[in-house]
């Protein structure tokens, strides 16, 4: 007679085998999943993907564009698929995928008539009007966030304007470059203010001076000069302090720095509404709903 322990192990193995058999049999009853696109031509894939993009079904559009590019990597449809796939990724906030597609298009088709759009779209992808740029100057601790995307956006727009000055996208790119320059200058000033508030006066003065040098004639210059004047005062450098005040008075005679009677510290003159107004100086702001135009359709029906 078998020991009880051996009987238990035997029973357990039988149960495991039975369950495994049932799982295998169950899987065989499931309907086979078919790829609806398996027999589609390149033209059919493109038409379906393009239609999904136009109607706002960006998830499906991206999937179909990826399929098209994978199956037909060298045809005329694949070239358009990269560009439209980048736009679809952009519209569903897949920033990394959109930028990668733009770079791939620029690298693979440098002589294409649509390469200027690839530069433009790359700039748009990294352009953050609400969450990013306003976040830099209003909501977030700017000393802990490097505006990498802002600089990359500026670089893409600048490359477009430099290489294709007569492009249909040049005017809008220049407007956005003004906006980005203003925002970057304000970012630098906020970092300088961060240093000042913590008693790092040398770092504050140096960062503010960088703002004046690298972003001249931007709304941030007034606050940069204020940081410099206050910093020099804390460092007991009256000559440099007075020189800075003189420059501030000459360029910004109505500056808050010279207005008395305010209960707010000088570094709190910038509130959210004031930041928005300053960013609008010399800038054509784009509404948050404006996502830029889709890629130009270059494929002709056959």
C-alpha atoms as a PDB file:
ATOM      1  CA  UNK A   1       0.000   0.000   0.000  1.00  0.00           C
ATOM      2  CA  UNK A   2       1.361   3.429  -0.963  1.00  0.00           C
ATOM      3  CA  UNK A   3       2.163   5.932   1.805  1.00  0.00           C
ATOM      4  CA  UNK A   4      -0.258   8.838   2.124  1.00  0.00           C
ATOM      5  CA  UNK A   5       2.443  11.342   1.101  1.00  0.00           C
ATOM      6  CA  UNK A   6       3.057   9.496  -2.159  1.00  0.00           C
ATOM      7  CA  UNK A   7      -0.672   9.305  -2.841  1.00  0.00           C
ATOM      8  CA  UNK A   8      -1.002  13.049  -2.312  1.00  0.00           C
ATOM      9  CA  UNK A   9       1.857  13.800  -4.711  1.00  0.00           C
ATOM     10  CA  UNK A  10       0.398  11.493  -7.317  1.00  0.00           C
ATOM     11  CA  UNK A  11      -3.025  13.104  -7.005  1.00  0.00           C
ATOM     12  CA  UNK A  12      -1.477  16.574  -7.267  1.00  0.00           C
ATOM     13  CA  UNK A  13       0.380  15.642 -10.457  1.00  0.00           C
ATOM     14  CA  UNK A  14      -2.772  14.233 -11.984  1.00  0.00           C
ATOM     15  CA  UNK A  15      -4.659  17.428 -11.208  1.00  0.00           C
ATOM     16  CA  UNK A  16      -1.904  19.573 -12.730  1.00  0.00           C
ATOM     17  CA  UNK A  17      -1.900  17.448 -15.869  1.00  0.00           C
ATOM     18  CA  UNK A  18      -5.688  17.659 -16.115  1.00  0.00           C
ATOM     19  CA  UNK A  19      -5.707  21.468 -15.726  1.00  0.00           C
ATOM     20  CA  UNK A  20      -2.978  21.820 -18.363  1.00  0.00           C
ATOM     21  CA  UNK A  21      -4.941  19.647 -20.768  1.00  0.00           C
ATOM     22  CA  UNK A  22      -8.083  21.703 -20.225  1.00  0.00           C
ATOM     23  CA  UNK A  23      -6.173  24.964 -20.849  1.00  0.00           C
ATOM     24  CA  UNK A  24      -4.716  23.642 -24.103  1.00  0.00           C
ATOM     25  CA  UNK A  25      -8.097  22.397 -25.225  1.00  0.00           C
ATOM     26  CA  UNK A  26      -9.697  25.707 -24.293  1.00  0.00           C
ATOM     27  CA  UNK A  27      -7.187  27.672 -26.323  1.00  0.00           C
ATOM     28  CA  UNK A  28      -7.983  25.564 -29.342  1.00  0.00           C
ATOM     29  CA  UNK A  29     -11.627  26.590 -29.033  1.00  0.00           C
ATOM     30  CA  UNK A  30     -10.800  30.302 -29.180  1.00  0.00           C
ATOM     31  CA  UNK A  31     -11.306  31.973 -32.573  1.00  0.00           C
ATOM     32  CA  UNK A  32      -8.121  32.618 -34.492  1.00  0.00           C
ATOM     33  CA  UNK A  33      -7.056  36.281 -34.412  1.00  0.00           C
ATOM     34  CA  UNK A  34      -6.550  37.483 -37.957  1.00  0.00           C
ATOM     35  CA  UNK A  35      -4.624  40.526 -39.132  1.00  0.00           C
ATOM     36  CA  UNK A  36      -7.070  42.523 -41.213  1.00  0.00           C
ATOM     37  CA  UNK A  37      -4.202  44.187 -43.014  1.00  0.00           C
ATOM     38  CA  UNK A  38      -2.431  40.973 -44.046  1.00  0.00           C
ATOM     39  CA  UNK A  39      -3.533  41.180 -47.674  1.00  0.00           C
ATOM     40  CA  UNK A  40      -3.605  44.970 -47.978  1.00  0.00           C
ATOM     41  CA  UNK A  41      -1.514  46.723 -50.579  1.00  0.00           C
ATOM     42  CA  UNK A  42       0.662  49.736 -49.769  1.00  0.00           C
ATOM     43  CA  UNK A  43      -1.973  52.019 -51.242  1.00  0.00           C
ATOM     44  CA  UNK A  44      -4.738  50.414 -49.166  1.00  0.00           C
ATOM     45  CA  UNK A  45      -2.667  50.716 -45.982  1.00  0.00           C
ATOM     46  CA  UNK A  46      -1.922  54.355 -46.672  1.00  0.00           C
ATOM     47  CA  UNK A  47      -5.518  55.239 -47.483  1.00  0.00           C
ATOM     48  CA  UNK A  48      -6.772  53.628 -44.259  1.00  0.00           C
ATOM     49  CA  UNK A  49      -4.035  55.224 -42.142  1.00  0.00           C
ATOM     50  CA  UNK A  50      -4.528  58.636 -43.704  1.00  0.00           C
ATOM     51  CA  UNK A  51      -8.281  58.397 -43.205  1.00  0.00           C
ATOM     52  CA  UNK A  52      -7.782  57.521 -39.536  1.00  0.00           C
ATOM     53  CA  UNK A  53      -5.456  60.504 -39.095  1.00  0.00           C
ATOM     54  CA  UNK A  54      -7.867  62.912 -40.760  1.00  0.00           C
ATOM     55  CA  UNK A  55     -10.749  61.781 -38.557  1.00  0.00           C
ATOM     56  CA  UNK A  56      -8.671  62.056 -35.383  1.00  0.00           C
ATOM     57  CA  UNK A  57      -8.182  58.332 -34.723  1.00  0.00           C
ATOM     58  CA  UNK A  58      -4.472  58.825 -34.113  1.00  0.00           C
ATOM     59  CA  UNK A  59      -3.886  55.518 -32.333  1.00  0.00           C
ATOM     60  CA  UNK A  60      -5.102  53.544 -35.335  1.00  0.00           C
ATOM     61  CA  UNK A  61      -3.298  55.877 -37.717  1.00  0.00           C
ATOM     62  CA  UNK A  62       0.052  55.355 -35.965  1.00  0.00           C
ATOM     63  CA  UNK A  63      -0.411  51.570 -35.983  1.00  0.00           C
ATOM     64  CA  UNK A  64      -1.226  51.504 -39.695  1.00  0.00           C
ATOM     65  CA  UNK A  65       1.563  53.907 -40.655  1.00  0.00           C
ATOM     66  CA  UNK A  66       4.047  51.732 -38.740  1.00  0.00           C
ATOM     67  CA  UNK A  67       2.730  48.651 -40.540  1.00  0.00           C
ATOM     68  CA  UNK A  68       3.023  50.379 -43.898  1.00  0.00           C
ATOM     69  CA  UNK A  69       6.572  51.522 -43.225  1.00  0.00           C
ATOM     70  CA  UNK A  70       7.569  48.049 -42.047  1.00  0.00           C
ATOM     71  CA  UNK A  71       6.113  46.170 -45.024  1.00  0.00           C
ATOM     72  CA  UNK A  72       6.887  48.649 -47.787  1.00  0.00           C
ATOM     73  CA  UNK A  73       9.941  50.610 -46.553  1.00  0.00           C
ATOM     74  CA  UNK A  74      11.103  51.909 -49.922  1.00  0.00           C
ATOM     75  CA  UNK A  75       7.957  53.009 -51.705  1.00  0.00           C
ATOM     76  CA  UNK A  76       6.506  56.483 -52.091  1.00  0.00           C
ATOM     77  CA  UNK A  77       3.826  55.607 -49.553  1.00  0.00           C
ATOM     78  CA  UNK A  78       6.439  54.867 -46.901  1.00  0.00           C
ATOM     79  CA  UNK A  79       7.941  58.339 -47.263  1.00  0.00           C
ATOM     80  CA  UNK A  80       4.577  59.937 -46.592  1.00  0.00           C
ATOM     81  CA  UNK A  81       3.857  57.430 -43.829  1.00  0.00           C
ATOM     82  CA  UNK A  82       6.884  58.605 -41.825  1.00  0.00           C
ATOM     83  CA  UNK A  83       5.747  62.214 -41.948  1.00  0.00           C
ATOM     84  CA  UNK A  84       2.075  61.566 -41.255  1.00  0.00           C
ATOM     85  CA  UNK A  85       2.978  59.021 -38.587  1.00  0.00           C
ATOM     86  CA  UNK A  86       5.080  61.690 -36.894  1.00  0.00           C
ATOM     87  CA  UNK A  87       2.113  64.065 -36.945  1.00  0.00           C
ATOM     88  CA  UNK A  88      -0.246  61.398 -35.564  1.00  0.00           C
ATOM     89  CA  UNK A  89       2.200  60.645 -32.742  1.00  0.00           C
ATOM     90  CA  UNK A  90       2.465  64.376 -32.032  1.00  0.00           C
ATOM     91  CA  UNK A  91      -1.299  64.734 -31.796  1.00  0.00           C
ATOM     92  CA  UNK A  92      -1.522  61.947 -29.222  1.00  0.00           C
ATOM     93  CA  UNK A  93       1.359  63.421 -27.207  1.00  0.00           C
ATOM     94  CA  UNK A  94       3.905  60.730 -28.067  1.00  0.00           C
ATOM     95  CA  UNK A  95       6.733  63.265 -28.125  1.00  0.00           C
ATOM     96  CA  UNK A  96       9.697  60.893 -28.392  1.00  0.00           C
ATOM     97  CA  UNK A  97       8.170  58.886 -31.243  1.00  0.00           C
ATOM     98  CA  UNK A  98       7.203  62.041 -33.135  1.00  0.00           C
ATOM     99  CA  UNK A  99      10.674  63.584 -32.843  1.00  0.00           C
ATOM    100  CA  UNK A 100      12.319  60.299 -33.849  1.00  0.00           C
ATOM    101  CA  UNK A 101      10.131  60.112 -36.963  1.00  0.00           C
ATOM    102  CA  UNK A 102      10.939  63.716 -37.908  1.00  0.00           C
ATOM    103  CA  UNK A 103      14.664  63.040 -37.529  1.00  0.00           C
ATOM    104  CA  UNK A 104      14.353  59.852 -39.567  1.00  0.00           C
ATOM    105  CA  UNK A 105      12.578  61.690 -42.371  1.00  0.00           C
ATOM    106  CA  UNK A 106      15.167  64.491 -42.408  1.00  0.00           C
ATOM    107  CA  UNK A 107      17.999  61.961 -42.453  1.00  0.00           C
ATOM    108  CA  UNK A 108      16.463  59.672 -45.088  1.00  0.00           C
ATOM    109  CA  UNK A 109      14.900  62.250 -47.426  1.00  0.00           C
ATOM    110  CA  UNK A 110      17.028  65.423 -47.140  1.00  0.00           C
ATOM    111  CA  UNK A 111      16.044  66.543 -50.647  1.00  0.00           C
ATOM    112  CA  UNK A 112      12.319  65.980 -50.270  1.00  0.00           C
ATOM    113  CA  UNK A 113      10.000  68.892 -50.887  1.00  0.00           C
ATOM    114  CA  UNK A 114       8.477  68.120 -47.488  1.00  0.00           C
ATOM    115  CA  UNK A 115      11.668  68.175 -45.430  1.00  0.00           C
ATOM    116  CA  UNK A 116      10.932  71.746 -44.366  1.00  0.00           C
ATOM    117  CA  UNK A 117       7.701  70.492 -42.798  1.00  0.00           C
ATOM    118  CA  UNK A 118       9.689  67.849 -40.904  1.00  0.00           C
ATOM    119  CA  UNK A 119      11.789  70.616 -39.312  1.00  0.00           C
ATOM    120  CA  UNK A 120       8.642  72.610 -38.564  1.00  0.00           C
ATOM    121  CA  UNK A 121       6.862  69.644 -36.994  1.00  0.00           C
ATOM    122  CA  UNK A 122       9.937  68.831 -34.900  1.00  0.00           C
ATOM    123  CA  UNK A 123       9.806  72.366 -33.554  1.00  0.00           C
ATOM    124  CA  UNK A 124       6.076  72.073 -32.851  1.00  0.00           C
ATOM    125  CA  UNK A 125       6.481  68.793 -30.991  1.00  0.00           C
ATOM    126  CA  UNK A 126       8.880  70.371 -28.502  1.00  0.00           C
ATOM    127  CA  UNK A 127       7.002  73.653 -28.342  1.00  0.00           C
ATOM    128  CA  UNK A 128       5.112  73.831 -25.080  1.00  0.00           C
ATOM    129  CA  UNK A 129       2.980  76.904 -24.662  1.00  0.00           C
ATOM    130  CA  UNK A 130       0.842  75.876 -21.701  1.00  0.00           C
ATOM    131  CA  UNK A 131       2.278  72.990 -19.699  1.00  0.00           C
ATOM    132  CA  UNK A 132       5.902  73.670 -20.575  1.00  0.00           C
ATOM    133  CA  UNK A 133       6.739  77.316 -21.062  1.00  0.00           C
ATOM    134  CA  UNK A 134       4.146  78.730 -18.704  1.00  0.00           C
ATOM    135  CA  UNK A 135       5.117  75.960 -16.310  1.00  0.00           C
ATOM    136  CA  UNK A 136       8.712  77.135 -16.422  1.00  0.00           C
ATOM    137  CA  UNK A 137       7.836  80.647 -15.336  1.00  0.00           C
ATOM    138  CA  UNK A 138       4.759  80.185 -13.175  1.00  0.00           C
ATOM    139  CA  UNK A 139       4.178  76.812 -11.543  1.00  0.00           C
ATOM    140  CA  UNK A 140       7.414  74.872 -11.218  1.00  0.00           C
ATOM    141  CA  UNK A 141      10.712  75.295  -9.410  1.00  0.00           C
ATOM    142  CA  UNK A 142      12.698  76.544 -12.362  1.00  0.00           C
ATOM    143  CA  UNK A 143      16.066  75.943 -10.781  1.00  0.00           C
ATOM    144  CA  UNK A 144      15.351  72.210 -10.929  1.00  0.00           C
ATOM    145  CA  UNK A 145      14.095  72.001 -14.508  1.00  0.00           C
ATOM    146  CA  UNK A 146      16.320  72.427 -17.541  1.00  0.00           C
ATOM    147  CA  UNK A 147      14.276  73.749 -20.495  1.00  0.00           C
ATOM    148  CA  UNK A 148      15.811  71.200 -22.880  1.00  0.00           C
ATOM    149  CA  UNK A 149      12.686  70.859 -25.007  1.00  0.00           C
ATOM    150  CA  UNK A 150      12.396  74.623 -25.340  1.00  0.00           C
ATOM    151  CA  UNK A 151      15.933  74.890 -26.670  1.00  0.00           C
ATOM    152  CA  UNK A 152      15.412  71.975 -29.029  1.00  0.00           C
ATOM    153  CA  UNK A 153      12.233  73.564 -30.339  1.00  0.00           C
ATOM    154  CA  UNK A 154      14.060  76.833 -30.956  1.00  0.00           C
ATOM    155  CA  UNK A 155      16.849  74.949 -32.728  1.00  0.00           C
ATOM    156  CA  UNK A 156      14.434  73.199 -35.092  1.00  0.00           C
ATOM    157  CA  UNK A 157      12.632  76.432 -35.996  1.00  0.00           C
ATOM    158  CA  UNK A 158      15.945  78.226 -36.467  1.00  0.00           C
ATOM    159  CA  UNK A 159      17.224  75.507 -38.798  1.00  0.00           C
ATOM    160  CA  UNK A 160      14.029  75.725 -40.829  1.00  0.00           C
ATOM    161  CA  UNK A 161      14.205  79.507 -41.158  1.00  0.00           C
ATOM    162  CA  UNK A 162      17.917  79.413 -42.005  1.00  0.00           C
ATOM    163  CA  UNK A 163      17.662  76.687 -44.651  1.00  0.00           C
ATOM    164  CA  UNK A 164      14.260  77.600 -46.061  1.00  0.00           C
ATOM    165  CA  UNK A 165      13.682  81.341 -45.521  1.00  0.00           C
ATOM    166  CA  UNK A 166      10.870  81.365 -48.097  1.00  0.00           C
ATOM    167  CA  UNK A 167       9.068  78.375 -46.627  1.00  0.00           C
ATOM    168  CA  UNK A 168       5.357  78.612 -45.958  1.00  0.00           C
ATOM    169  CA  UNK A 169       6.217  77.756 -42.344  1.00  0.00           C
ATOM    170  CA  UNK A 170       8.915  80.410 -41.914  1.00  0.00           C
ATOM    171  CA  UNK A 171       6.693  83.225 -40.617  1.00  0.00           C
ATOM    172  CA  UNK A 172       5.054  81.084 -37.965  1.00  0.00           C
ATOM    173  CA  UNK A 173       8.450  79.656 -36.977  1.00  0.00           C
ATOM    174  CA  UNK A 174       9.835  83.166 -36.459  1.00  0.00           C
ATOM    175  CA  UNK A 175       6.869  84.066 -34.249  1.00  0.00           C
ATOM    176  CA  UNK A 176       7.454  80.996 -32.146  1.00  0.00           C
ATOM    177  CA  UNK A 177      11.171  81.712 -31.931  1.00  0.00           C
ATOM    178  CA  UNK A 178      10.369  85.136 -30.434  1.00  0.00           C
ATOM    179  CA  UNK A 179       8.134  83.465 -27.886  1.00  0.00           C
ATOM    180  CA  UNK A 180      10.750  80.848 -27.024  1.00  0.00           C
ATOM    181  CA  UNK A 181      13.467  83.483 -26.662  1.00  0.00           C
ATOM    182  CA  UNK A 182      11.307  85.439 -24.230  1.00  0.00           C
ATOM    183  CA  UNK A 183      10.528  82.306 -22.238  1.00  0.00           C
ATOM    184  CA  UNK A 184      14.164  81.190 -22.066  1.00  0.00           C
ATOM    185  CA  UNK A 185      15.222  84.611 -20.836  1.00  0.00           C
ATOM    186  CA  UNK A 186      12.583  84.491 -18.128  1.00  0.00           C
ATOM    187  CA  UNK A 187      13.720  81.020 -17.125  1.00  0.00           C
ATOM    188  CA  UNK A 188      17.276  82.311 -16.574  1.00  0.00           C
ATOM    189  CA  UNK A 189      15.999  85.213 -14.457  1.00  0.00           C
ATOM    190  CA  UNK A 190      13.948  82.889 -12.288  1.00  0.00           C
ATOM    191  CA  UNK A 191      17.016  80.759 -11.649  1.00  0.00           C
ATOM    192  CA  UNK A 192      18.915  83.933 -10.709  1.00  0.00           C
ATOM    193  CA  UNK A 193      16.095  84.842  -8.313  1.00  0.00           C
ATOM    194  CA  UNK A 194      16.281  81.357  -6.809  1.00  0.00           C
ATOM    195  CA  UNK A 195      19.984  81.891  -6.044  1.00  0.00           C
ATOM    196  CA  UNK A 196      19.355  85.370  -4.661  1.00  0.00           C
ATOM    197  CA  UNK A 197      16.613  84.202  -2.306  1.00  0.00           C
ATOM    198  CA  UNK A 198      19.020  81.651  -0.868  1.00  0.00           C
ATOM    199  CA  UNK A 199      21.851  84.095  -0.353  1.00  0.00           C
ATOM    200  CA  UNK A 200      24.002  82.906  -3.260  1.00  0.00           C
ATOM    201  CA  UNK A 201      24.524  86.461  -4.501  1.00  0.00           C
ATOM    202  CA  UNK A 202      27.520  85.819  -6.757  1.00  0.00           C
ATOM    203  CA  UNK A 203      25.653  83.029  -8.579  1.00  0.00           C
ATOM    204  CA  UNK A 204      22.547  85.243  -8.812  1.00  0.00           C
ATOM    205  CA  UNK A 205      24.463  88.146 -10.357  1.00  0.00           C
ATOM    206  CA  UNK A 206      26.263  85.888 -12.823  1.00  0.00           C
ATOM    207  CA  UNK A 207      23.047  84.178 -13.932  1.00  0.00           C
ATOM    208  CA  UNK A 208      21.254  87.494 -14.351  1.00  0.00           C
ATOM    209  CA  UNK A 209      24.166  88.906 -16.369  1.00  0.00           C
ATOM    210  CA  UNK A 210      23.954  85.846 -18.626  1.00  0.00           C
ATOM    211  CA  UNK A 211      20.314  86.688 -19.286  1.00  0.00           C
ATOM    212  CA  UNK A 212      21.162  90.228 -20.395  1.00  0.00           C
ATOM    213  CA  UNK A 213      23.988  88.963 -22.613  1.00  0.00           C
ATOM    214  CA  UNK A 214      22.278  85.957 -24.207  1.00  0.00           C
ATOM    215  CA  UNK A 215      18.726  87.300 -24.442  1.00  0.00           C
ATOM    216  CA  UNK A 216      19.017  91.040 -25.137  1.00  0.00           C
ATOM    217  CA  UNK A 217      15.936  93.150 -25.746  1.00  0.00           C
ATOM    218  CA  UNK A 218      13.583  90.637 -24.150  1.00  0.00           C
ATOM    219  CA  UNK A 219      11.078  91.312 -21.351  1.00  0.00           C
ATOM    220  CA  UNK A 220      13.324  89.432 -18.923  1.00  0.00           C
ATOM    221  CA  UNK A 221      16.044  92.092 -19.082  1.00  0.00           C
ATOM    222  CA  UNK A 222      14.318  94.363 -16.585  1.00  0.00           C
ATOM    223  CA  UNK A 223      14.162  91.688 -13.903  1.00  0.00           C
ATOM    224  CA  UNK A 224      17.702  90.553 -14.714  1.00  0.00           C
ATOM    225  CA  UNK A 225      19.014  94.062 -14.055  1.00  0.00           C
ATOM    226  CA  UNK A 226      17.056  94.231 -10.799  1.00  0.00           C
ATOM    227  CA  UNK A 227      18.651  90.984  -9.643  1.00  0.00           C
ATOM    228  CA  UNK A 228      22.077  92.350 -10.551  1.00  0.00           C
ATOM    229  CA  UNK A 229      21.525  95.651  -8.709  1.00  0.00           C
ATOM    230  CA  UNK A 230      20.268  93.924  -5.574  1.00  0.00           C
ATOM    231  CA  UNK A 231      23.022  91.320  -5.756  1.00  0.00           C
ATOM    232  CA  UNK A 232      25.776  93.912  -6.049  1.00  0.00           C
ATOM    233  CA  UNK A 233      24.245  95.746  -3.102  1.00  0.00           C
ATOM    234  CA  UNK A 234      24.378  92.592  -0.971  1.00  0.00           C
ATOM    235  CA  UNK A 235      27.982  92.025  -2.041  1.00  0.00           C
ATOM    236  CA  UNK A 236      28.953  95.574  -0.999  1.00  0.00           C
ATOM    237  CA  UNK A 237      29.940  96.546  -4.528  1.00  0.00           C
ATOM    238  CA  UNK A 238      28.422 100.050  -4.774  1.00  0.00           C
ATOM    239  CA  UNK A 239      30.099 101.038  -8.042  1.00  0.00           C
ATOM    240  CA  UNK A 240      28.691  98.065  -9.954  1.00  0.00           C
ATOM    241  CA  UNK A 241      25.351  98.465  -8.167  1.00  0.00           C
ATOM    242  CA  UNK A 242      25.049 102.108  -9.198  1.00  0.00           C
ATOM    243  CA  UNK A 243      26.120 101.349 -12.770  1.00  0.00           C
ATOM    244  CA  UNK A 244      23.445  98.665 -12.999  1.00  0.00           C
ATOM    245  CA  UNK A 245      20.816 100.991 -11.568  1.00  0.00           C
ATOM    246  CA  UNK A 246      21.781 103.602 -14.141  1.00  0.00           C
ATOM    247  CA  UNK A 247      21.329 101.131 -16.999  1.00  0.00           C
ATOM    248  CA  UNK A 248      18.026  99.987 -15.501  1.00  0.00           C
ATOM    249  CA  UNK A 249      16.774 103.563 -15.190  1.00  0.00           C
ATOM    250  CA  UNK A 250      17.791 104.377 -18.744  1.00  0.00           C
ATOM    251  CA  UNK A 251      16.102 101.351 -20.299  1.00  0.00           C
ATOM    252  CA  UNK A 252      13.183 100.846 -17.901  1.00  0.00           C
ATOM    253  CA  UNK A 253      12.362 104.242 -16.338  1.00  0.00           C
ATOM    254  CA  UNK A 254       9.012 102.974 -15.039  1.00  0.00           C
ATOM    255  CA  UNK A 255      10.456  99.795 -13.542  1.00  0.00           C
ATOM    256  CA  UNK A 256       8.866  98.390 -10.398  1.00  0.00           C
ATOM    257  CA  UNK A 257      12.320  98.665  -8.852  1.00  0.00           C
ATOM    258  CA  UNK A 258      11.950 102.465  -8.704  1.00  0.00           C
ATOM    259  CA  UNK A 259       8.334 102.444  -7.550  1.00  0.00           C
ATOM    260  CA  UNK A 260       7.883 102.793  -3.817  1.00  0.00           C
ATOM    261  CA  UNK A 261       5.000 101.882  -1.550  1.00  0.00           C
ATOM    262  CA  UNK A 262       4.656  98.222  -2.479  1.00  0.00           C
ATOM    263  CA  UNK A 263       4.381  95.624   0.264  1.00  0.00           C
ATOM    264  CA  UNK A 264       5.649  92.865  -2.010  1.00  0.00           C
ATOM    265  CA  UNK A 265       9.346  92.005  -2.084  1.00  0.00           C
ATOM    266  CA  UNK A 266      10.970  93.002  -5.364  1.00  0.00           C
ATOM    267  CA  UNK A 267      11.283  89.372  -6.523  1.00  0.00           C
ATOM    268  CA  UNK A 268       7.499  88.890  -6.245  1.00  0.00           C
ATOM    269  CA  UNK A 269       6.529  91.591  -8.710  1.00  0.00           C
ATOM    270  CA  UNK A 270       6.055  88.886 -11.297  1.00  0.00           C
ATOM    271  CA  UNK A 271       2.753  87.154 -10.753  1.00  0.00           C
ATOM    272  CA  UNK A 272       1.120  84.697 -13.154  1.00  0.00           C
ATOM    273  CA  UNK A 273      -0.836  87.312 -15.120  1.00  0.00           C
ATOM    274  CA  UNK A 274       2.224  89.519 -15.472  1.00  0.00           C
ATOM    275  CA  UNK A 275       4.251  86.625 -16.823  1.00  0.00           C
ATOM    276  CA  UNK A 276       1.641  85.953 -19.475  1.00  0.00           C
ATOM    277  CA  UNK A 277       1.621  89.608 -20.529  1.00  0.00           C
ATOM    278  CA  UNK A 278       5.397  89.762 -20.747  1.00  0.00           C
ATOM    279  CA  UNK A 279       5.516  86.660 -22.907  1.00  0.00           C
ATOM    280  CA  UNK A 280       3.143  88.354 -25.319  1.00  0.00           C
ATOM    281  CA  UNK A 281       5.544  91.229 -25.970  1.00  0.00           C
ATOM    282  CA  UNK A 282       6.675  91.117 -29.598  1.00  0.00           C
ATOM    283  CA  UNK A 283       5.126  87.672 -29.896  1.00  0.00           C
ATOM    284  CA  UNK A 284       2.185  86.219 -31.764  1.00  0.00           C
ATOM    285  CA  UNK A 285       0.912  83.676 -29.267  1.00  0.00           C
ATOM    286  CA  UNK A 286      -0.670  80.490 -30.488  1.00  0.00           C
ATOM    287  CA  UNK A 287      -3.793  79.256 -28.770  1.00  0.00           C
ATOM    288  CA  UNK A 288      -3.479  75.978 -26.903  1.00  0.00           C
ATOM    289  CA  UNK A 289      -5.872  74.377 -29.385  1.00  0.00           C
ATOM    290  CA  UNK A 290      -3.667  75.239 -32.352  1.00  0.00           C
ATOM    291  CA  UNK A 291      -1.561  72.162 -33.036  1.00  0.00           C
ATOM    292  CA  UNK A 292      -0.187  73.188 -36.423  1.00  0.00           C
ATOM    293  CA  UNK A 293      -1.234  71.935 -39.855  1.00  0.00           C
ATOM    294  CA  UNK A 294      -1.005  68.263 -40.861  1.00  0.00           C
ATOM    295  CA  UNK A 295       1.672  67.211 -43.375  1.00  0.00           C
ATOM    296  CA  UNK A 296       1.128  68.323 -46.960  1.00  0.00           C
ATOM    297  CA  UNK A 297      -0.385  65.532 -49.037  1.00  0.00           C
ATOM    298  CA  UNK A 298       2.019  64.836 -51.890  1.00  0.00           C
ATOM    299  CA  UNK A 299       0.645  61.479 -52.990  1.00  0.00           C
ATOM    300  CA  UNK A 300      -1.454  61.723 -56.103  1.00  0.00           C
ATOM    301  CA  UNK A 301      -4.301  59.264 -56.735  1.00  0.00           C
ATOM    302  CA  UNK A 302      -3.537  56.691 -59.412  1.00  0.00           C
END
